[in-house]
Amino acid sequence: MKIYKKIFSVFISSIIAASAFSFHMQAEENYTVSADDPRFKYIMNENGTVSIAANEASSQLSGKISIPSTLDGLTVTGICKNGFSDNEKITSVNIPDTVKEIDSLAFSNCSSLASVTLPDTITSMGSMPFSCSIYEENIIKSADSGFVTINDYILYIYTGNNTDIFIPGGIKVIADSAFANNGYYSSEDFEITSVTIPDTVEYIGNDAFFNCKALSSATILTGVKEIGSNAFTNTSVTIYGYNGTYAQKYSNSNNITFVLLISNPNEFKYEIECDKNYKRYYFSTDTSFSQEGIRVYKRYYDGSRDEVTYWDFTSSPDVLYNKS
């Protein structure tokens, strides 16, 4: 029998406490109330930008709010941990394209929050920044195959029960704790054993696969530029990838076994990708296959690849099905 439970209460206090973004947010006492708009306060980041939060001393925010792109002449690039939590009257949030990072629980317990407009500029996302909101409830309900995504490029949380995970193409950001403890629901019936991360992924969040104890294989392709702290802690993972990539450097720095997918600099392999236009043939009498929706690539030792523009099929549907 399956036993499901939300992992929220399991790891929020421990895992999220360890989460830290690259701009190193400062302590509570370093907040500055904005002279431009006293509803907000901010902290300075190391690069001279600021991260924003609601000013509790001001009246509670309500209705539709827009996060400003600047405060007191400083560019807003981050939203603080718990920065807007417990503002139960906020119904929608518009986030500007200056924002790169949204920290954990940023809008947690904003129970009326139903609409969030995010730019395509987010480079990292903390754990469950929209927890206990209508918005989060809706994106979880609408998730396909267990992958809860935002704007088709942020993987917010995993709610499925597959043991072999193939991150969808187009995902750029895997949020903090997205697969921790085997996903949003834990079950005695399954554990994640492998994950394949495509070229499109650039950021793997803090604690992303924390405590996936059966995870033994992670194939990480060439796009990853950063892997957060404790991303593979409490796993038995071996990382598979290409020579000179960030995945290899990360593995070496964290004493994780790394295996080259192509072991010889003079070798390559072919890869085939199919999109929604790919035609499937079931006992067809067609005399030829269509190349529409199919792309063929050569992948090299360092993970780079070239598209093969000239190729053809060696048979046809009618011949194959007549043989069967």
Protein backbone atom coordinates (compact mmCIF):
# COMPACT_ATOMS: atom_id res chain seq x y z
CA MET A 1 0.00 0.00 0.00
CA LYS A 2 1.25 3.44 -0.87
CA ILE A 3 1.81 5.90 1.92
CA TYR A 4 2.03 9.46 0.66
CA LYS A 5 3.02 12.44 2.67
CA LYS A 6 4.03 15.96 1.81
CA ILE A 7 7.75 16.43 2.23
CA PHE A 8 7.20 20.11 2.98
CA SER A 9 7.18 19.62 6.74
CA VAL A 10 10.05 17.13 6.57
CA PHE A 11 12.67 19.31 4.96
CA ILE A 12 11.59 22.94 5.20
CA SER A 13 13.22 23.48 8.58
CA SER A 14 16.44 21.57 7.90
CA ILE A 15 17.18 21.67 4.18
CA ILE A 16 15.99 25.17 3.48
CA ALA A 17 17.93 26.49 6.44
CA ALA A 18 21.06 25.39 4.57
CA SER A 19 20.05 27.02 1.28
CA ALA A 20 22.20 29.96 0.21
CA PHE A 21 22.16 31.89 -3.06
CA SER A 22 25.28 33.06 -4.81
CA PHE A 23 24.74 36.69 -3.91
CA HIS A 24 24.97 35.92 -0.16
CA MET A 25 22.06 37.71 1.46
CA GLN A 26 22.93 39.62 4.60
CA ALA A 27 21.45 39.44 8.08
CA GLU A 28 18.06 40.84 9.08
CA GLU A 29 19.55 43.92 10.75
CA ASN A 30 21.01 45.09 7.44
CA TYR A 31 17.66 45.74 5.79
CA THR A 32 17.03 49.28 4.57
CA VAL A 33 13.51 50.66 4.20
CA SER A 34 13.12 52.15 0.75
CA ALA A 35 12.80 55.91 0.51
CA ASP A 36 11.13 55.44 -2.89
CA ASP A 37 8.43 53.13 -1.57
CA PRO A 38 8.34 52.41 2.18
CA ARG A 39 6.15 49.34 1.58
CA PHE A 40 9.42 47.62 0.68
CA LYS A 41 12.80 47.09 2.27
CA TYR A 42 15.98 45.63 0.83
CA ILE A 43 19.41 44.25 1.53
CA MET A 44 22.56 44.91 -0.44
CA ASN A 45 24.08 42.09 -2.48
CA GLU A 46 27.80 41.72 -3.02
CA ASN A 47 27.53 42.92 -6.63
CA GLY A 48 25.88 46.24 -5.71
CA THR A 49 22.33 45.17 -6.52
CA VAL A 50 19.60 44.60 -3.94
CA SER A 51 17.18 41.89 -2.86
CA ILE A 52 13.69 42.96 -1.88
CA ALA A 53 11.22 42.10 0.88
CA ALA A 54 7.98 43.50 2.25
CA ASN A 55 8.32 46.03 5.05
CA GLU A 56 6.29 44.60 7.94
CA ALA A 57 6.21 47.99 9.63
CA SER A 58 4.17 49.33 6.72
CA SER A 59 0.56 48.33 6.06
CA GLN A 60 0.12 44.76 4.76
CA LEU A 61 0.32 44.43 0.99
CA SER A 62 -2.90 43.48 -0.76
CA GLY A 63 -4.42 42.92 -4.19
CA LYS A 64 -2.23 43.12 -7.26
CA ILE A 65 1.36 44.10 -6.58
CA SER A 66 4.30 44.73 -8.87
CA ILE A 67 7.83 44.19 -7.64
CA PRO A 68 9.81 47.33 -8.58
CA SER A 69 12.85 46.94 -10.82
CA THR A 70 14.73 49.57 -8.82
CA LEU A 71 14.64 50.90 -5.26
CA ASP A 72 16.44 54.08 -4.32
CA GLY A 73 18.36 53.93 -7.59
CA LEU A 74 19.52 50.34 -7.01
CA THR A 75 18.61 47.45 -9.31
CA VAL A 76 16.41 44.75 -7.75
CA THR A 77 17.83 41.34 -8.73
CA GLY A 78 16.58 39.10 -5.92
CA ILE A 79 13.59 38.36 -3.71
CA CYS A 80 14.52 37.49 -0.14
CA LYS A 81 13.82 34.30 1.74
CA ASN A 82 10.37 34.71 3.36
CA GLY A 83 10.44 38.20 1.85
CA PHE A 84 6.68 38.41 1.25
CA SER A 85 5.44 35.46 3.28
CA ASP A 86 2.18 35.70 5.26
CA ASN A 87 0.79 38.54 3.14
CA GLU A 88 -2.55 36.81 2.89
CA LYS A 89 -4.28 39.58 0.91
CA ILE A 90 -1.94 39.56 -2.09
CA THR A 91 -3.82 38.17 -5.10
CA SER A 92 -1.26 38.56 -7.89
CA VAL A 93 2.42 39.40 -8.29
CA ASN A 94 4.28 40.79 -11.28
CA ILE A 95 8.05 40.24 -11.16
CA PRO A 96 10.28 42.38 -13.42
CA ASP A 97 12.98 41.07 -15.72
CA THR A 98 15.74 42.52 -13.52
CA VAL A 99 15.09 39.73 -11.01
CA LYS A 100 17.41 36.75 -11.36
CA GLU A 101 16.93 34.88 -8.08
CA ILE A 102 13.92 34.04 -5.91
CA ASP A 103 14.78 32.61 -2.51
CA SER A 104 12.99 29.91 -0.53
CA LEU A 105 9.48 30.55 0.79
CA ALA A 106 9.54 34.06 -0.70
CA PHE A 107 5.74 34.17 -1.04
CA SER A 108 4.82 31.34 1.32
CA ASN A 109 1.47 31.49 3.09
CA CYS A 110 0.19 34.14 0.70
CA SER A 111 -3.03 32.18 0.72
CA SER A 112 -4.90 34.41 -1.78
CA LEU A 113 -2.07 34.55 -4.31
CA ALA A 114 -3.49 33.09 -7.53
CA SER A 115 -1.45 34.70 -10.31
CA VAL A 116 2.31 35.14 -10.71
CA THR A 117 3.95 36.74 -13.73
CA LEU A 118 7.60 35.79 -13.96
CA PRO A 119 10.16 36.90 -16.54
CA ASP A 120 12.39 34.52 -18.46
CA THR A 121 15.44 35.86 -16.59
CA ILE A 122 15.31 33.69 -13.44
CA THR A 123 18.62 31.87 -13.00
CA SER A 124 17.97 30.23 -9.61
CA MET A 125 14.94 29.50 -7.44
CA GLY A 126 14.80 28.49 -3.80
CA SER A 127 12.63 25.77 -2.32
CA MET A 128 8.87 26.21 -2.73
CA PRO A 129 8.74 30.02 -2.81
CA PHE A 130 4.97 29.91 -3.46
CA SER A 131 4.03 27.29 -0.87
CA CYS A 132 0.54 27.38 0.61
CA SER A 133 -0.87 29.60 -2.13
CA ILE A 134 -3.59 29.14 -4.75
CA TYR A 135 -0.94 29.63 -7.42
CA GLU A 136 1.15 26.68 -6.20
CA GLU A 137 -1.93 24.50 -5.83
CA ASN A 138 -2.90 25.22 -9.44
CA ILE A 139 0.51 24.55 -10.99
CA ILE A 140 0.76 21.26 -9.09
CA LYS A 141 -2.70 20.19 -10.30
CA SER A 142 -1.85 21.00 -13.91
CA ALA A 143 1.55 19.23 -13.94
CA ASP A 144 2.21 16.66 -16.65
CA SER A 145 4.13 13.48 -15.79
CA GLY A 146 4.93 14.79 -12.33
CA PHE A 147 7.07 17.72 -13.48
CA VAL A 148 5.68 20.93 -11.97
CA THR A 149 7.05 23.73 -14.12
CA ILE A 150 6.81 27.52 -14.31
CA ASN A 151 7.03 29.28 -17.67
CA ASP A 152 8.18 25.97 -19.18
CA TYR A 153 11.78 26.54 -18.03
CA ILE A 154 11.75 26.32 -14.23
CA LEU A 155 11.27 22.88 -12.67
CA TYR A 156 9.58 23.84 -9.42
CA ILE A 157 9.00 20.44 -7.79
CA TYR A 158 8.59 16.80 -8.79
CA THR A 159 5.32 15.07 -7.87
CA GLY A 160 5.65 11.86 -9.89
CA ASN A 161 6.74 8.37 -8.94
CA ASN A 162 9.15 7.32 -11.68
CA THR A 163 12.39 5.70 -10.62
CA ASP A 164 14.24 6.83 -13.76
CA ILE A 165 13.94 10.58 -14.24
CA PHE A 166 14.42 12.29 -17.60
CA ILE A 167 14.29 16.07 -17.11
CA PRO A 168 12.23 17.56 -19.97
CA GLY A 169 14.08 19.48 -22.68
CA GLY A 170 13.72 23.24 -22.32
CA ILE A 171 14.15 23.24 -18.53
CA LYS A 172 16.89 25.69 -17.52
CA VAL A 173 16.48 25.89 -13.74
CA ILE A 174 15.92 23.04 -11.30
CA ALA A 175 14.69 24.67 -8.11
CA ASP A 176 16.14 23.95 -4.68
CA SER A 177 14.90 20.65 -3.16
CA ALA A 178 12.91 19.83 -6.32
CA PHE A 179 13.54 16.07 -5.95
CA ALA A 180 14.62 15.95 -2.30
CA ASN A 181 13.39 12.85 -0.46
CA ASN A 182 12.26 11.48 -3.85
CA GLY A 183 9.89 14.34 -4.64
CA TYR A 184 6.89 16.21 -3.29
CA TYR A 185 5.27 12.95 -2.24
CA SER A 186 7.34 10.22 -0.67
CA SER A 187 6.21 6.63 -1.05
CA GLU A 188 7.34 3.28 0.20
CA ASP A 189 6.75 1.95 -3.32
CA PHE A 190 9.46 3.85 -5.23
CA GLU A 191 12.80 5.57 -4.97
CA ILE A 192 14.58 7.59 -7.64
CA THR A 193 17.49 5.55 -9.01
CA SER A 194 18.68 7.60 -12.00
CA VAL A 195 18.35 11.04 -13.53
CA THR A 196 19.24 12.42 -16.95
CA ILE A 197 19.72 16.18 -17.20
CA PRO A 198 19.64 17.65 -20.73
CA ASP A 199 21.82 20.33 -22.32
CA THR A 200 19.22 23.03 -21.63
CA VAL A 201 19.62 22.88 -17.83
CA GLU A 202 21.96 25.57 -16.47
CA TYR A 203 21.27 25.54 -12.72
CA ILE A 204 20.71 22.60 -10.36
CA GLY A 205 19.49 23.95 -7.05
CA ASN A 206 20.63 23.44 -3.48
CA ASP A 207 19.48 20.08 -2.08
CA ALA A 208 17.95 19.24 -5.47
CA PHE A 209 18.35 15.47 -4.96
CA PHE A 210 19.05 15.50 -1.25
CA ASN A 211 18.33 12.20 0.50
CA CYS A 212 17.45 10.29 -2.68
CA LYS A 213 19.26 7.35 -1.14
CA ALA A 214 18.78 4.99 -4.10
CA LEU A 215 20.05 7.51 -6.65
CA SER A 216 23.08 5.86 -8.22
CA SER A 217 23.33 7.49 -11.66
CA ALA A 218 23.14 11.11 -12.82
CA THR A 219 23.85 11.92 -16.45
CA ILE A 220 24.60 15.64 -16.68
CA LEU A 221 25.07 17.13 -20.12
CA THR A 222 26.91 20.28 -21.16
CA GLY A 223 24.64 23.18 -20.21
CA VAL A 224 25.03 23.11 -16.43
CA LYS A 225 26.91 26.12 -15.07
CA GLU A 226 26.19 25.77 -11.36
CA ILE A 227 25.20 23.02 -8.93
CA GLY A 228 24.02 24.16 -5.52
CA SER A 229 25.18 22.94 -2.14
CA ASN A 230 24.16 19.45 -1.02
CA ALA A 231 22.53 18.77 -4.38
CA PHE A 232 23.52 15.09 -4.20
CA THR A 233 24.07 14.66 -0.46
CA ASN A 234 22.81 11.36 1.00
CA THR A 235 22.89 9.61 -2.37
CA SER A 236 25.20 6.97 -3.84
CA VAL A 237 25.45 8.80 -7.14
CA THR A 238 27.97 8.36 -9.93
CA ILE A 239 27.92 11.27 -12.38
CA TYR A 240 28.21 10.60 -16.11
CA GLY A 241 29.19 13.39 -18.47
CA TYR A 242 31.73 14.81 -20.89
CA ASN A 243 35.34 15.88 -20.66
CA GLY A 244 36.02 19.39 -19.37
CA THR A 245 32.42 20.14 -18.43
CA TYR A 246 31.18 21.73 -15.21
CA ALA A 247 29.77 18.33 -14.20
CA GLN A 248 33.26 16.83 -14.28
CA LYS A 249 34.75 19.71 -12.26
CA TYR A 250 31.91 19.49 -9.74
CA SER A 251 32.38 15.74 -9.34
CA ASN A 252 36.12 16.10 -8.76
CA SER A 253 35.60 18.90 -6.22
CA ASN A 254 33.00 16.89 -4.28
CA ASN A 255 34.66 13.46 -4.35
CA ILE A 256 31.92 12.01 -6.56
CA THR A 257 32.85 9.30 -9.07
CA PHE A 258 32.76 10.68 -12.61
CA VAL A 259 32.52 8.54 -15.75
CA LEU A 260 33.06 9.87 -19.27
CA LEU A 261 30.23 9.12 -21.68
CA ILE A 262 32.78 9.15 -24.52
CA SER A 263 36.15 7.91 -23.33
CA ASN A 264 38.28 8.56 -26.42
CA PRO A 265 38.92 12.07 -27.83
CA ASN A 266 38.71 10.65 -31.35
CA GLU A 267 35.32 9.02 -30.87
CA PHE A 268 31.79 10.36 -31.29
CA LYS A 269 28.27 9.02 -31.05
CA TYR A 270 25.01 9.72 -32.85
CA GLU A 271 21.96 11.11 -31.09
CA ILE A 272 18.41 11.36 -32.38
CA GLU A 273 15.83 13.84 -31.10
CA CYS A 274 12.14 13.86 -32.00
CA ASP A 275 9.69 16.71 -31.50
CA LYS A 276 5.90 16.86 -31.57
CA ASN A 277 5.87 16.73 -35.39
CA TYR A 278 7.46 13.28 -35.44
CA LYS A 279 5.16 10.81 -37.18
CA ARG A 280 4.63 7.39 -35.65
CA TYR A 281 3.98 4.38 -37.85
CA TYR A 282 1.85 1.48 -36.70
CA PHE A 283 1.47 -1.31 -39.29
CA SER A 284 1.68 1.32 -41.97
CA THR A 285 1.67 0.69 -45.73
CA ASP A 286 3.54 3.96 -46.41
CA THR A 287 6.44 3.50 -48.81
CA SER A 288 8.73 5.94 -46.97
CA PHE A 289 9.37 7.44 -43.55
CA SER A 290 9.08 11.19 -43.00
CA GLN A 291 12.07 13.07 -41.61
CA GLU A 292 9.81 15.80 -40.21
CA GLY A 293 10.29 16.25 -36.48
CA ILE A 294 13.53 14.23 -36.41
CA ARG A 295 17.00 15.65 -35.87
CA VAL A 296 20.26 13.71 -35.90
CA TYR A 297 23.41 14.91 -34.12
CA LYS A 298 27.03 13.86 -33.66
CA ARG A 299 28.16 14.20 -30.04
CA TYR A 300 31.88 14.55 -29.29
CA TYR A 301 34.29 13.88 -26.42
CA ASP A 302 33.83 17.34 -24.85
CA GLY A 303 30.04 17.16 -25.13
CA SER A 304 29.75 19.53 -28.07
CA ARG A 305 27.65 18.36 -30.98
CA ASP A 306 26.90 19.10 -34.62
CA GLU A 307 23.68 18.47 -36.45
CA VAL A 308 23.83 15.92 -39.25
CA THR A 309 21.91 17.54 -42.08
CA TYR A 310 22.13 14.72 -44.61
CA TRP A 311 20.87 11.30 -43.61
CA ASP A 312 18.25 8.82 -44.76
CA PHE A 313 16.33 5.75 -43.65
CA THR A 314 17.53 2.31 -44.63
CA SER A 315 14.03 0.88 -44.98
CA SER A 316 10.36 1.87 -45.29
CA PRO A 317 7.21 1.19 -43.22
CA ASP A 318 5.64 -1.17 -45.73
CA VAL A 319 8.78 -3.31 -45.93
CA LEU A 320 9.27 -3.46 -42.16
CA TYR A 321 5.68 -4.38 -41.40
CA ASN A 322 5.51 -6.97 -44.19
CA LYS A 323 8.50 -8.68 -42.60
CA SER A 324 6.76 -8.78 -39.26
